Protein backbone atom coordinates (compact mmCIF):
# COMPACT_ATOMS: atom_id res chain seq x y z
CA MET A 1 -9.80 8.04 12.08
CA SER A 2 -8.09 7.43 8.75
CA SER A 3 -8.33 9.94 5.93
CA PHE A 4 -8.13 7.09 3.42
CA GLU A 5 -11.13 5.39 1.86
CA GLY A 6 -11.83 2.18 -0.04
CA THR A 7 -8.84 0.36 -1.47
CA ALA A 8 -6.38 2.94 -0.11
CA ALA A 9 -7.73 2.45 3.41
CA GLN A 10 -7.36 -1.33 3.15
CA ILE A 11 -3.76 -0.99 1.98
CA MET A 12 -2.80 1.63 4.56
CA GLU A 13 -4.37 -0.46 7.33
CA VAL A 14 -1.88 -3.31 6.76
CA LEU A 15 1.08 -1.29 5.51
CA THR A 16 3.58 -0.32 8.18
CA ALA A 17 7.14 0.97 8.25
CA GLU A 18 8.13 -2.66 7.54
CA ALA A 19 8.38 -2.97 3.74
CA MET A 20 5.93 -5.33 2.05
CA SER A 21 5.83 -6.80 -1.44
CA VAL A 22 2.75 -6.61 -3.64
CA GLU A 23 2.25 -10.34 -3.06
CA GLU A 24 2.27 -9.79 0.70
CA LEU A 25 -0.27 -6.98 0.32
CA VAL A 26 -2.49 -9.25 -1.80
CA GLU A 27 -2.40 -11.89 0.96
CA ALA A 28 -3.02 -9.36 3.73
CA THR A 29 -5.87 -7.48 2.04
CA GLY A 30 -7.48 -10.04 -0.27
CA LEU A 31 -7.40 -7.44 -3.05
CA ASP A 32 -6.35 -8.11 -6.64
CA SER A 33 -2.73 -7.25 -7.46
CA SER A 34 -3.76 -4.86 -10.25
CA GLU A 35 -6.00 -2.97 -7.81
CA ILE A 36 -3.16 -2.77 -5.29
CA LEU A 37 -0.58 -1.61 -7.84
CA SER A 38 -2.91 1.07 -9.15
CA GLU A 39 -3.62 2.40 -5.66
CA LEU A 40 0.04 2.16 -4.60
CA THR A 41 0.99 4.39 -7.53
CA ILE A 42 -1.43 7.07 -6.35
CA LEU A 43 -0.36 6.70 -2.73
CA GLU A 44 3.30 6.96 -3.74
CA LEU A 45 2.72 10.07 -5.85
CA ASP A 46 0.89 11.65 -2.91
CA GLY A 47 3.80 10.82 -0.58
CA ASN A 48 1.83 8.35 1.54
CA VAL A 49 3.99 5.33 0.69
CA VAL A 50 7.57 4.82 -0.40
CA ARG A 51 8.92 2.13 -2.70
CA GLU A 52 12.36 0.64 -2.37
CA ASN A 53 13.60 -2.49 -4.13
CA GLY A 54 10.07 -3.38 -5.23
CA ARG A 55 8.69 -3.25 -1.69
CA TYR A 56 6.35 -0.66 -0.21
CA SER A 57 6.15 0.92 3.22
CA ARG A 58 4.89 4.00 5.00
CA PRO A 59 7.41 6.84 5.03
CA LEU A 60 9.31 7.24 8.29
């Protein structure tokens, strides 16, 4: 069971080690880009996602 809830859970469900752009996350989740960017910031600060070249992935 995931420890993530709400928007974070939706993002983490589709996010893998394969880097994704915000646009790809919007398509995969159906969420608004501003919602995704806000949640990605929190997830990145908590060490749950990494950003490289404007793309996001789970840390290895």
